[in-house]
């Protein structure tokens, strides 16, 4: 039995292909178009809560940040494009984004103070693929170096090597400090103790 090899597409082909009326969500993972499952109610509650709390903090501190609804994050020089669950953009750096005005696409870590993925059944994407593209090895030119990336695993769906054994709901906060990422995890009633730096 032979199996067809899926056709890889470029980032530009993906953007041209994206349906305007998106009843179904898609992302591009290393040249492959991936259909993203429709989020369940709890996922949307967590996403909505985070959006409200972060917006309040941005406003309170008077930062030049905002939260777009449908911006695409493209890791430089890769055929990948993601729609994070929560995305905070630095308005002051958008002048450096070549594709922002016409296509709502960002690719510079300096434009993205924070990206958040709320984990669902595609948890491997958040822990492996997006982590690698958003934060890993910030000193390499092809990596984004987003200052802060949160993986919010409210339902403990991720592998036990990521969230412990026994598995429990976990927020993993990846902060870029002196060119390297430090990961701090919060579970149950853990207080963040000033570890969350999005608006500091």
N, C-alpha and C. Protein backbone atom coordinates (compact mmCIF):
# COMPACT_ATOMS: atom_id res chain seq x y z
N UNK A 1 0.85 -1.18 0.00
CA UNK A 1 0.00 0.00 0.00
C UNK A 1 0.89 1.24 0.00
N UNK A 2 0.62 2.16 -0.89
CA UNK A 2 1.38 3.40 -0.93
C UNK A 2 0.57 4.51 -0.29
N UNK A 3 1.30 5.42 0.32
CA UNK A 3 0.64 6.54 0.99
C UNK A 3 1.09 7.82 0.31
N UNK A 4 0.13 8.69 0.01
CA UNK A 4 0.45 9.95 -0.64
C UNK A 4 1.22 10.85 0.32
N UNK A 5 2.24 11.50 -0.19
CA UNK A 5 2.99 12.46 0.62
C UNK A 5 2.26 13.80 0.53
N UNK A 6 1.91 14.39 1.68
CA UNK A 6 1.19 15.65 1.63
C UNK A 6 2.06 16.74 1.00
N UNK A 7 1.41 17.61 0.22
CA UNK A 7 2.12 18.71 -0.43
C UNK A 7 2.46 19.76 0.60
N UNK A 8 3.73 20.13 0.65
CA UNK A 8 4.15 21.20 1.54
C UNK A 8 3.87 22.54 0.85
N UNK A 9 3.47 23.53 1.64
CA UNK A 9 3.18 24.84 1.09
C UNK A 9 4.09 25.86 1.76
N UNK A 10 4.33 26.95 1.05
CA UNK A 10 5.11 28.04 1.63
C UNK A 10 4.20 28.89 2.52
N UNK A 11 4.81 29.73 3.33
CA UNK A 11 4.04 30.62 4.18
C UNK A 11 3.17 31.54 3.32
N UNK A 12 3.72 32.04 2.22
CA UNK A 12 2.97 32.95 1.34
C UNK A 12 1.77 32.22 0.73
N UNK A 13 1.94 30.98 0.31
CA UNK A 13 0.82 30.20 -0.23
C UNK A 13 -0.26 29.99 0.84
N UNK A 14 0.16 29.74 2.06
CA UNK A 14 -0.78 29.55 3.16
C UNK A 14 -1.61 30.81 3.39
N UNK A 15 -0.96 31.96 3.43
CA UNK A 15 -1.67 33.22 3.67
C UNK A 15 -2.65 33.50 2.53
N UNK A 16 -2.24 33.24 1.29
CA UNK A 16 -3.16 33.42 0.15
C UNK A 16 -4.32 32.44 0.20
N UNK A 17 -4.09 31.25 0.70
CA UNK A 17 -5.10 30.19 0.75
C UNK A 17 -6.11 30.38 1.88
N UNK A 18 -5.71 30.98 2.99
CA UNK A 18 -6.58 31.07 4.16
C UNK A 18 -7.97 31.58 3.79
N UNK A 19 -9.01 30.84 4.16
CA UNK A 19 -10.37 31.29 3.86
C UNK A 19 -10.68 32.58 4.62
N UNK A 20 -11.39 33.51 3.96
CA UNK A 20 -11.73 34.78 4.61
C UNK A 20 -12.74 34.57 5.72
N UNK A 21 -13.74 33.76 5.46
CA UNK A 21 -14.76 33.49 6.47
C UNK A 21 -14.38 32.19 7.15
N UNK A 22 -13.63 32.30 8.22
CA UNK A 22 -13.02 31.12 8.84
C UNK A 22 -13.95 30.45 9.85
N UNK A 23 -14.78 29.55 9.39
CA UNK A 23 -15.56 28.73 10.31
C UNK A 23 -14.67 27.67 10.93
N UNK A 24 -13.59 27.33 10.22
CA UNK A 24 -12.61 26.37 10.70
C UNK A 24 -11.28 27.12 10.81
N UNK A 25 -10.51 26.83 11.85
CA UNK A 25 -9.23 27.50 12.05
C UNK A 25 -8.09 26.64 11.51
N UNK A 26 -7.10 27.29 10.92
CA UNK A 26 -5.95 26.60 10.37
C UNK A 26 -4.66 27.29 10.81
N UNK A 27 -3.60 26.51 10.92
CA UNK A 27 -2.26 27.03 11.12
C UNK A 27 -1.34 26.32 10.14
N UNK A 28 -0.16 26.86 9.97
CA UNK A 28 0.84 26.24 9.10
C UNK A 28 1.99 25.78 9.98
N UNK A 29 2.25 24.47 9.99
CA UNK A 29 3.32 23.89 10.80
C UNK A 29 4.37 23.29 9.87
N UNK A 30 5.49 23.99 9.72
CA UNK A 30 6.59 23.51 8.88
C UNK A 30 6.13 23.08 7.50
N UNK A 31 5.33 23.93 6.86
CA UNK A 31 4.88 23.68 5.50
C UNK A 31 3.62 22.86 5.37
N UNK A 32 3.07 22.36 6.47
CA UNK A 32 1.84 21.57 6.42
C UNK A 32 0.68 22.36 7.02
N UNK A 33 -0.41 22.43 6.28
CA UNK A 33 -1.61 23.09 6.78
C UNK A 33 -2.28 22.16 7.78
N UNK A 34 -2.53 22.68 8.97
CA UNK A 34 -3.11 21.90 10.06
C UNK A 34 -4.43 22.52 10.47
N UNK A 35 -5.48 21.70 10.48
CA UNK A 35 -6.78 22.16 10.96
C UNK A 35 -6.76 22.14 12.48
N UNK A 36 -7.14 23.24 13.10
CA UNK A 36 -7.14 23.36 14.55
C UNK A 36 -8.54 23.05 15.06
N UNK A 37 -8.62 22.17 16.04
CA UNK A 37 -9.92 21.79 16.60
C UNK A 37 -10.64 22.99 17.20
N UNK A 38 -11.95 22.99 17.07
CA UNK A 38 -12.76 24.05 17.68
C UNK A 38 -12.60 23.97 19.20
N UNK A 39 -12.23 25.09 19.85
CA UNK A 39 -12.04 25.05 21.31
C UNK A 39 -13.34 24.76 22.05
N UNK A 40 -13.21 24.07 23.18
CA UNK A 40 -14.37 23.78 24.03
C UNK A 40 -14.62 24.98 24.95
N UNK A 41 -15.74 24.92 25.67
CA UNK A 41 -16.15 26.04 26.52
C UNK A 41 -15.13 26.45 27.55
N UNK A 42 -14.56 25.47 28.29
CA UNK A 42 -13.58 25.81 29.32
C UNK A 42 -12.35 26.49 28.72
N UNK A 43 -11.91 26.02 27.58
CA UNK A 43 -10.77 26.63 26.88
C UNK A 43 -11.06 28.11 26.62
N UNK A 44 -12.25 28.40 26.12
CA UNK A 44 -12.62 29.78 25.81
C UNK A 44 -12.77 30.63 27.07
N UNK A 45 -13.23 30.02 28.17
CA UNK A 45 -13.33 30.75 29.44
C UNK A 45 -11.94 31.16 29.92
N UNK A 46 -10.99 30.23 29.86
CA UNK A 46 -9.62 30.53 30.29
C UNK A 46 -9.03 31.62 29.41
N UNK A 47 -9.19 31.49 28.11
CA UNK A 47 -8.69 32.47 27.16
C UNK A 47 -9.31 33.85 27.42
N UNK A 48 -10.62 33.89 27.63
CA UNK A 48 -11.30 35.15 27.91
C UNK A 48 -10.82 35.78 29.21
N UNK A 49 -10.67 34.97 30.26
CA UNK A 49 -10.18 35.46 31.55
C UNK A 49 -8.80 36.09 31.39
N UNK A 50 -7.89 35.38 30.72
CA UNK A 50 -6.54 35.90 30.52
C UNK A 50 -6.57 37.21 29.73
N UNK A 51 -7.39 37.27 28.70
CA UNK A 51 -7.49 38.48 27.89
C UNK A 51 -7.93 39.68 28.71
N UNK A 52 -8.92 39.49 29.57
CA UNK A 52 -9.42 40.59 30.40
C UNK A 52 -8.35 41.03 31.40
N UNK A 53 -7.77 40.08 32.12
CA UNK A 53 -6.79 40.42 33.16
C UNK A 53 -5.55 41.11 32.57
N UNK A 54 -5.07 40.61 31.45
CA UNK A 54 -3.88 41.20 30.83
C UNK A 54 -4.20 42.59 30.30
N UNK A 55 -5.37 42.77 29.70
CA UNK A 55 -5.77 44.09 29.20
C UNK A 55 -5.83 45.12 30.31
N UNK A 56 -6.39 44.71 31.44
CA UNK A 56 -6.49 45.62 32.60
C UNK A 56 -5.09 46.04 33.05
N UNK A 57 -4.17 45.10 33.10
CA UNK A 57 -2.80 45.39 33.56
C UNK A 57 -2.07 46.29 32.56
N UNK A 58 -2.26 46.06 31.28
CA UNK A 58 -1.65 46.90 30.25
C UNK A 58 -2.15 48.34 30.40
N UNK A 59 -3.45 48.49 30.57
CA UNK A 59 -4.03 49.82 30.72
C UNK A 59 -3.56 50.48 32.02
N UNK A 60 -3.54 49.73 33.10
CA UNK A 60 -3.12 50.28 34.39
C UNK A 60 -1.71 50.85 34.33
N UNK A 61 -0.82 50.15 33.64
CA UNK A 61 0.57 50.57 33.55
C UNK A 61 0.85 51.52 32.38
N UNK A 62 -0.15 51.77 31.55
CA UNK A 62 0.00 52.70 30.43
C UNK A 62 1.02 52.25 29.40
N UNK A 63 1.06 50.95 29.13
CA UNK A 63 2.03 50.41 28.18
C UNK A 63 1.52 50.54 26.74
N UNK A 64 2.42 50.62 25.76
CA UNK A 64 2.01 50.76 24.36
C UNK A 64 1.67 49.41 23.73
N UNK A 65 0.94 48.57 24.45
CA UNK A 65 0.60 47.23 24.01
C UNK A 65 -0.88 47.14 23.67
N UNK A 66 -1.23 46.17 22.85
CA UNK A 66 -2.63 45.84 22.59
C UNK A 66 -2.71 44.36 22.25
N UNK A 67 -3.95 43.87 22.22
CA UNK A 67 -4.18 42.45 21.96
C UNK A 67 -5.03 42.29 20.71
N UNK A 68 -4.41 41.89 19.59
CA UNK A 68 -5.17 41.70 18.36
C UNK A 68 -6.04 40.45 18.44
N UNK A 69 -7.03 40.40 17.57
CA UNK A 69 -7.93 39.26 17.54
C UNK A 69 -7.42 38.14 16.64
N UNK A 70 -6.83 38.47 15.49
CA UNK A 70 -6.47 37.43 14.51
C UNK A 70 -5.12 37.68 13.85
N UNK A 71 -4.10 38.07 14.57
CA UNK A 71 -2.78 38.26 13.97
C UNK A 71 -2.07 36.91 13.81
N UNK A 72 -1.26 36.82 12.77
CA UNK A 72 -0.48 35.60 12.52
C UNK A 72 0.94 35.84 13.02
N UNK A 73 1.46 34.89 13.78
CA UNK A 73 2.86 34.92 14.21
C UNK A 73 3.63 34.00 13.28
N UNK A 74 4.61 34.59 12.59
CA UNK A 74 5.44 33.80 11.67
C UNK A 74 6.88 33.78 12.16
N UNK A 75 7.38 32.63 12.54
CA UNK A 75 8.80 32.54 12.88
C UNK A 75 9.63 32.90 11.64
N UNK A 76 10.66 33.72 11.80
CA UNK A 76 11.46 34.15 10.65
C UNK A 76 12.00 32.97 9.84
N UNK A 77 11.97 33.13 8.53
CA UNK A 77 12.55 32.18 7.59
C UNK A 77 11.98 30.77 7.71
N UNK A 78 10.74 30.64 8.20
CA UNK A 78 10.12 29.32 8.30
C UNK A 78 8.77 29.34 7.61
N UNK A 79 8.37 28.19 7.10
CA UNK A 79 7.04 28.05 6.53
C UNK A 79 6.10 27.57 7.62
N UNK A 80 5.92 28.45 8.61
CA UNK A 80 5.01 28.22 9.72
C UNK A 80 4.28 29.52 10.03
N UNK A 81 3.06 29.38 10.51
CA UNK A 81 2.27 30.55 10.91
C UNK A 81 1.26 30.13 11.94
N UNK A 82 1.22 30.84 13.07
CA UNK A 82 0.38 30.45 14.20
C UNK A 82 -0.56 31.57 14.60
N UNK A 83 -1.69 31.18 15.17
CA UNK A 83 -2.67 32.10 15.76
C UNK A 83 -2.70 31.80 17.26
N UNK A 84 -1.84 32.45 18.07
CA UNK A 84 -1.85 32.16 19.50
C UNK A 84 -3.21 32.45 20.12
N UNK A 85 -3.53 31.74 21.20
CA UNK A 85 -4.80 31.98 21.88
C UNK A 85 -4.87 33.40 22.43
N UNK A 86 -3.78 33.88 22.99
CA UNK A 86 -3.69 35.26 23.47
C UNK A 86 -2.36 35.80 22.96
N UNK A 87 -2.40 36.98 22.37
CA UNK A 87 -1.20 37.59 21.81
C UNK A 87 -1.17 39.05 22.23
N UNK A 88 -0.04 39.49 22.76
CA UNK A 88 0.15 40.89 23.13
C UNK A 88 1.20 41.45 22.19
N UNK A 89 0.86 42.58 21.55
CA UNK A 89 1.80 43.21 20.62
C UNK A 89 2.24 44.57 21.15
N UNK A 90 3.48 44.90 20.83
CA UNK A 90 4.06 46.20 21.19
C UNK A 90 3.88 47.14 20.01
N UNK A 91 2.94 48.06 20.15
CA UNK A 91 2.61 49.00 19.08
C UNK A 91 3.87 49.74 18.58
N UNK A 92 4.79 50.04 19.49
CA UNK A 92 5.98 50.82 19.14
C UNK A 92 6.90 50.09 18.16
N UNK A 93 6.85 48.77 18.11
CA UNK A 93 7.74 48.02 17.22
C UNK A 93 7.08 47.61 15.90
N UNK A 94 5.80 47.85 15.75
CA UNK A 94 5.11 47.39 14.54
C UNK A 94 5.60 48.09 13.28
N UNK A 95 6.22 49.25 13.41
CA UNK A 95 6.79 49.93 12.24
C UNK A 95 7.90 49.09 11.61
N UNK A 96 8.49 48.18 12.38
CA UNK A 96 9.56 47.31 11.88
C UNK A 96 9.03 46.01 11.26
N UNK A 97 7.74 45.79 11.33
CA UNK A 97 7.12 44.58 10.79
C UNK A 97 6.67 44.83 9.36
N UNK A 98 7.31 44.18 8.41
CA UNK A 98 7.04 44.41 6.99
C UNK A 98 5.63 44.02 6.56
N UNK A 99 5.04 43.02 7.22
CA UNK A 99 3.75 42.50 6.76
C UNK A 99 2.59 42.89 7.68
N UNK A 100 2.84 43.75 8.66
CA UNK A 100 1.80 44.07 9.63
C UNK A 100 0.64 44.85 9.01
N UNK A 101 0.92 45.94 8.34
CA UNK A 101 -0.15 46.83 7.86
C UNK A 101 -1.10 46.17 6.88
N UNK A 102 -0.58 45.37 5.99
CA UNK A 102 -1.43 44.77 4.95
C UNK A 102 -1.98 43.41 5.32
N UNK A 103 -1.28 42.66 6.19
CA UNK A 103 -1.69 41.27 6.42
C UNK A 103 -1.78 40.85 7.89
N UNK A 104 -1.54 41.75 8.82
CA UNK A 104 -1.59 41.42 10.26
C UNK A 104 -0.67 40.25 10.61
N UNK A 105 0.56 40.30 10.09
CA UNK A 105 1.56 39.26 10.34
C UNK A 105 2.74 39.88 11.08
N UNK A 106 3.17 39.21 12.16
CA UNK A 106 4.34 39.66 12.92
C UNK A 106 5.37 38.55 12.96
N UNK A 107 6.65 38.94 12.94
CA UNK A 107 7.70 37.93 12.96
C UNK A 107 8.90 38.32 13.81
N UNK A 108 8.82 39.44 14.50
CA UNK A 108 9.93 39.88 15.33
C UNK A 108 9.59 39.72 16.80
N UNK A 109 10.49 39.10 17.55
CA UNK A 109 10.26 38.92 18.98
C UNK A 109 10.03 40.23 19.70
N UNK A 110 10.67 41.32 19.23
CA UNK A 110 10.50 42.63 19.87
C UNK A 110 9.08 43.17 19.73
N UNK A 111 8.32 42.63 18.79
CA UNK A 111 6.93 43.06 18.60
C UNK A 111 5.97 42.31 19.51
N UNK A 112 6.44 41.23 20.13
CA UNK A 112 5.56 40.32 20.86
C UNK A 112 6.04 40.18 22.31
N UNK A 113 5.57 41.03 23.22
CA UNK A 113 5.97 40.88 24.62
C UNK A 113 5.48 39.57 25.23
N UNK A 114 4.35 39.05 24.71
CA UNK A 114 3.77 37.85 25.30
C UNK A 114 2.94 37.09 24.28
N UNK A 115 3.14 35.77 24.24
CA UNK A 115 2.26 34.86 23.49
C UNK A 115 1.81 33.79 24.47
N UNK A 116 0.51 33.46 24.41
CA UNK A 116 -0.04 32.45 25.31
C UNK A 116 -0.78 31.40 24.49
N UNK A 117 -0.50 30.15 24.79
CA UNK A 117 -1.26 29.05 24.22
C UNK A 117 -2.00 28.36 25.36
N UNK A 118 -3.31 28.22 25.20
CA UNK A 118 -4.14 27.48 26.14
C UNK A 118 -4.24 26.07 25.58
N UNK A 119 -3.75 25.11 26.33
CA UNK A 119 -3.59 23.74 25.84
C UNK A 119 -4.94 23.07 25.61
N UNK A 120 -5.03 22.37 24.48
CA UNK A 120 -6.20 21.55 24.18
C UNK A 120 -5.70 20.20 23.69
N UNK A 121 -6.51 19.49 22.95
CA UNK A 121 -6.14 18.14 22.55
C UNK A 121 -4.89 18.09 21.68
N UNK A 122 -4.52 19.19 21.07
CA UNK A 122 -3.30 19.25 20.25
C UNK A 122 -2.12 19.74 21.11
N UNK A 123 -2.03 19.27 22.35
CA UNK A 123 -1.05 19.76 23.31
C UNK A 123 0.39 19.66 22.83
N UNK A 124 0.68 18.70 21.99
CA UNK A 124 2.06 18.54 21.50
C UNK A 124 2.51 19.77 20.72
N UNK A 125 1.59 20.40 20.00
CA UNK A 125 1.93 21.61 19.25
C UNK A 125 2.43 22.70 20.19
N UNK A 126 1.75 22.89 21.33
CA UNK A 126 2.10 23.95 22.26
C UNK A 126 3.41 23.69 22.98
N UNK A 127 3.64 22.43 23.38
CA UNK A 127 4.84 22.09 24.14
C UNK A 127 6.07 21.85 23.26
N UNK A 128 5.88 21.41 22.04
CA UNK A 128 7.02 21.10 21.19
C UNK A 128 7.21 22.13 20.08
N UNK A 129 6.29 22.16 19.14
CA UNK A 129 6.46 22.96 17.92
C UNK A 129 6.50 24.46 18.23
N UNK A 130 5.49 24.96 18.92
CA UNK A 130 5.42 26.40 19.16
C UNK A 130 6.50 26.84 20.15
N UNK A 131 6.76 26.04 21.15
CA UNK A 131 7.84 26.37 22.07
C UNK A 131 9.14 26.54 21.29
N UNK A 132 9.43 25.60 20.40
CA UNK A 132 10.67 25.67 19.63
C UNK A 132 10.71 26.93 18.77
N UNK A 133 9.61 27.29 18.16
CA UNK A 133 9.61 28.45 17.27
C UNK A 133 9.52 29.77 18.02
N UNK A 134 8.79 29.81 19.12
CA UNK A 134 8.62 31.07 19.85
C UNK A 134 9.84 31.44 20.68
N UNK A 135 10.42 30.46 21.37
CA UNK A 135 11.38 30.84 22.39
C UNK A 135 12.73 30.16 22.36
N UNK A 136 12.82 28.96 21.92
CA UNK A 136 14.07 28.20 22.07
C UNK A 136 15.24 28.87 21.36
N UNK A 137 16.39 28.87 21.95
CA UNK A 137 17.64 29.36 21.39
C UNK A 137 17.49 30.75 20.78
N UNK A 138 17.19 31.70 21.62
CA UNK A 138 16.95 33.07 21.15
C UNK A 138 18.17 33.69 20.49
N UNK A 139 19.35 33.18 20.76
CA UNK A 139 20.55 33.76 20.18
C UNK A 139 20.71 33.42 18.70
N UNK A 140 20.00 32.41 18.23
CA UNK A 140 20.07 32.05 16.81
C UNK A 140 19.17 32.97 16.01
N UNK A 141 19.63 33.40 14.87
CA UNK A 141 18.92 34.38 14.06
C UNK A 141 17.53 33.90 13.64
N UNK A 142 17.38 32.60 13.41
CA UNK A 142 16.10 32.11 12.90
C UNK A 142 15.06 31.90 14.00
N UNK A 143 15.43 32.06 15.25
CA UNK A 143 14.46 31.91 16.33
C UNK A 143 13.91 33.28 16.70
N UNK A 144 12.70 33.31 17.20
CA UNK A 144 12.01 34.58 17.45
C UNK A 144 12.50 35.31 18.70
N UNK A 145 12.71 34.59 19.76
CA UNK A 145 13.11 35.24 21.00
C UNK A 145 11.99 36.07 21.62
N UNK A 146 10.77 35.53 21.62
CA UNK A 146 9.66 36.22 22.27
C UNK A 146 9.99 36.30 23.76
N UNK A 147 9.90 37.49 24.37
CA UNK A 147 10.32 37.65 25.77
C UNK A 147 9.58 36.76 26.76
N UNK A 148 8.31 36.44 26.47
CA UNK A 148 7.55 35.64 27.42
C UNK A 148 6.52 34.79 26.69
N UNK A 149 6.49 33.50 27.02
CA UNK A 149 5.55 32.55 26.43
C UNK A 149 4.95 31.73 27.55
N UNK A 150 3.62 31.70 27.61
CA UNK A 150 2.92 30.92 28.62
C UNK A 150 2.25 29.73 27.96
N UNK A 151 2.33 28.58 28.60
CA UNK A 151 1.58 27.40 28.20
C UNK A 151 0.61 27.12 29.35
N UNK A 152 -0.67 27.37 29.10
CA UNK A 152 -1.68 27.25 30.14
C UNK A 152 -2.40 25.92 29.95
N UNK A 153 -2.03 24.95 30.75
CA UNK A 153 -2.57 23.59 30.64
C UNK A 153 -3.59 23.39 31.76
N UNK A 154 -4.76 24.02 31.62
CA UNK A 154 -5.77 24.05 32.67
C UNK A 154 -6.41 22.68 32.92
N UNK A 155 -6.37 21.80 31.93
CA UNK A 155 -7.02 20.49 32.07
C UNK A 155 -6.01 19.35 32.22
N UNK A 156 -4.74 19.69 32.40
CA UNK A 156 -3.68 18.69 32.57
C UNK A 156 -3.66 17.69 31.41
N UNK A 157 -3.65 18.20 30.18
CA UNK A 157 -3.65 17.35 28.99
C UNK A 157 -2.25 16.98 28.53
N UNK A 158 -1.25 17.79 28.87
CA UNK A 158 0.10 17.58 28.40
C UNK A 158 0.73 16.33 28.98
N UNK A 159 1.83 15.93 28.38
CA UNK A 159 2.56 14.76 28.86
C UNK A 159 3.11 14.97 30.25
N UNK A 160 3.27 13.88 31.01
CA UNK A 160 3.73 14.00 32.39
C UNK A 160 5.15 14.55 32.48
N UNK A 161 5.95 14.41 31.43
CA UNK A 161 7.29 15.01 31.46
C UNK A 161 7.23 16.53 31.42
N UNK A 162 6.08 17.11 31.05
CA UNK A 162 5.91 18.56 31.05
C UNK A 162 5.20 19.06 32.29
N UNK A 163 4.22 18.29 32.79
CA UNK A 163 3.40 18.81 33.89
C UNK A 163 3.45 17.96 35.15
N UNK A 164 4.35 16.98 35.18
CA UNK A 164 4.54 16.19 36.39
C UNK A 164 3.69 14.95 36.43
N UNK A 165 4.01 14.11 37.41
CA UNK A 165 3.28 12.87 37.61
C UNK A 165 2.97 12.75 39.10
N UNK A 166 1.75 12.74 39.53
CA UNK A 166 0.55 12.70 38.70
C UNK A 166 0.33 14.02 37.96
N UNK A 167 -0.30 13.92 36.80
CA UNK A 167 -0.57 15.11 35.99
C UNK A 167 -1.55 16.02 36.73
N UNK A 168 -1.27 17.32 36.66
CA UNK A 168 -2.17 18.30 37.26
C UNK A 168 -2.12 19.58 36.46
N UNK A 169 -3.18 20.38 36.53
CA UNK A 169 -3.19 21.64 35.79
C UNK A 169 -1.94 22.47 36.10
N UNK A 170 -1.33 23.00 35.05
CA UNK A 170 -0.04 23.69 35.20
C UNK A 170 0.02 24.88 34.24
N UNK A 171 0.57 25.97 34.73
CA UNK A 171 0.91 27.10 33.87
C UNK A 171 2.44 27.13 33.81
N UNK A 172 2.97 26.99 32.60
CA UNK A 172 4.42 27.06 32.39
C UNK A 172 4.73 28.43 31.81
N UNK A 173 5.55 29.19 32.52
CA UNK A 173 5.92 30.54 32.09
C UNK A 173 7.38 30.52 31.67
N UNK A 174 7.61 30.82 30.40
CA UNK A 174 8.96 30.85 29.84
C UNK A 174 9.37 32.30 29.69
N UNK A 175 10.38 32.73 30.44
CA UNK A 175 10.88 34.10 30.39
C UNK A 175 12.26 34.13 29.79
N UNK A 176 12.49 35.09 28.89
CA UNK A 176 13.81 35.29 28.31
C UNK A 176 14.63 36.15 29.27
N UNK A 177 15.67 35.55 29.86
CA UNK A 177 16.51 36.26 30.82
C UNK A 177 17.97 36.08 30.39
N UNK A 178 18.63 37.19 30.11
CA UNK A 178 20.04 37.16 29.68
C UNK A 178 20.27 36.19 28.52
N UNK A 179 19.36 36.22 27.55
CA UNK A 179 19.52 35.42 26.33
C UNK A 179 19.13 33.97 26.44
N UNK A 180 18.64 33.54 27.61
CA UNK A 180 18.21 32.15 27.78
C UNK A 180 16.84 32.13 28.41
N UNK A 181 16.12 31.05 28.16
CA UNK A 181 14.77 30.92 28.71
C UNK A 181 14.77 30.18 30.03
N UNK A 182 14.11 30.78 30.99
CA UNK A 182 13.90 30.19 32.30
C UNK A 182 12.42 29.78 32.35
N UNK A 183 12.13 28.56 32.75
CA UNK A 183 10.75 28.10 32.84
C UNK A 183 10.37 27.97 34.30
N UNK A 184 9.28 28.63 34.66
CA UNK A 184 8.73 28.53 36.00
C UNK A 184 7.33 27.95 35.86
N UNK A 185 7.00 26.99 36.71
CA UNK A 185 5.68 26.36 36.62
C UNK A 185 4.86 26.68 37.87
N UNK A 186 3.57 26.87 37.64
CA UNK A 186 2.63 27.16 38.71
C UNK A 186 1.53 26.12 38.68
N UNK A 187 1.20 25.59 39.86
CA UNK A 187 0.15 24.58 39.98
C UNK A 187 -0.73 24.92 41.17
N UNK A 188 -1.95 24.45 41.13
CA UNK A 188 -2.90 24.64 42.23
C UNK A 188 -2.95 26.10 42.66
N UNK A 189 -2.63 26.33 43.92
CA UNK A 189 -2.74 27.68 44.46
C UNK A 189 -1.40 28.40 44.51
N UNK A 190 -0.41 27.95 43.72
CA UNK A 190 0.88 28.64 43.70
C UNK A 190 0.68 30.11 43.34
N UNK A 191 1.33 30.98 44.09
CA UNK A 191 1.31 32.40 43.75
C UNK A 191 2.46 32.66 42.80
N UNK A 192 2.26 33.59 41.88
CA UNK A 192 3.31 33.84 40.89
C UNK A 192 4.48 34.58 41.50
N UNK A 193 4.31 35.25 42.60
CA UNK A 193 5.43 35.87 43.30
C UNK A 193 6.28 36.76 42.44
N UNK A 194 5.67 37.51 41.53
CA UNK A 194 6.42 38.44 40.70
C UNK A 194 7.13 37.80 39.53
N UNK A 195 6.89 36.52 39.27
CA UNK A 195 7.57 35.84 38.17
C UNK A 195 7.01 36.21 36.80
N UNK A 196 5.76 36.63 36.73
CA UNK A 196 5.16 36.99 35.46
C UNK A 196 5.58 38.40 35.11
N UNK A 197 6.29 38.56 33.97
CA UNK A 197 6.93 39.83 33.65
C UNK A 197 6.26 40.57 32.51
N UNK A 198 5.14 40.14 32.03
CA UNK A 198 4.56 40.72 30.82
C UNK A 198 4.50 42.24 30.87
N UNK A 199 4.19 42.79 31.98
CA UNK A 199 4.02 44.24 32.04
C UNK A 199 4.96 44.87 33.06
N UNK A 200 6.08 44.26 33.32
CA UNK A 200 7.00 44.88 34.28
C UNK A 200 8.20 45.47 33.57
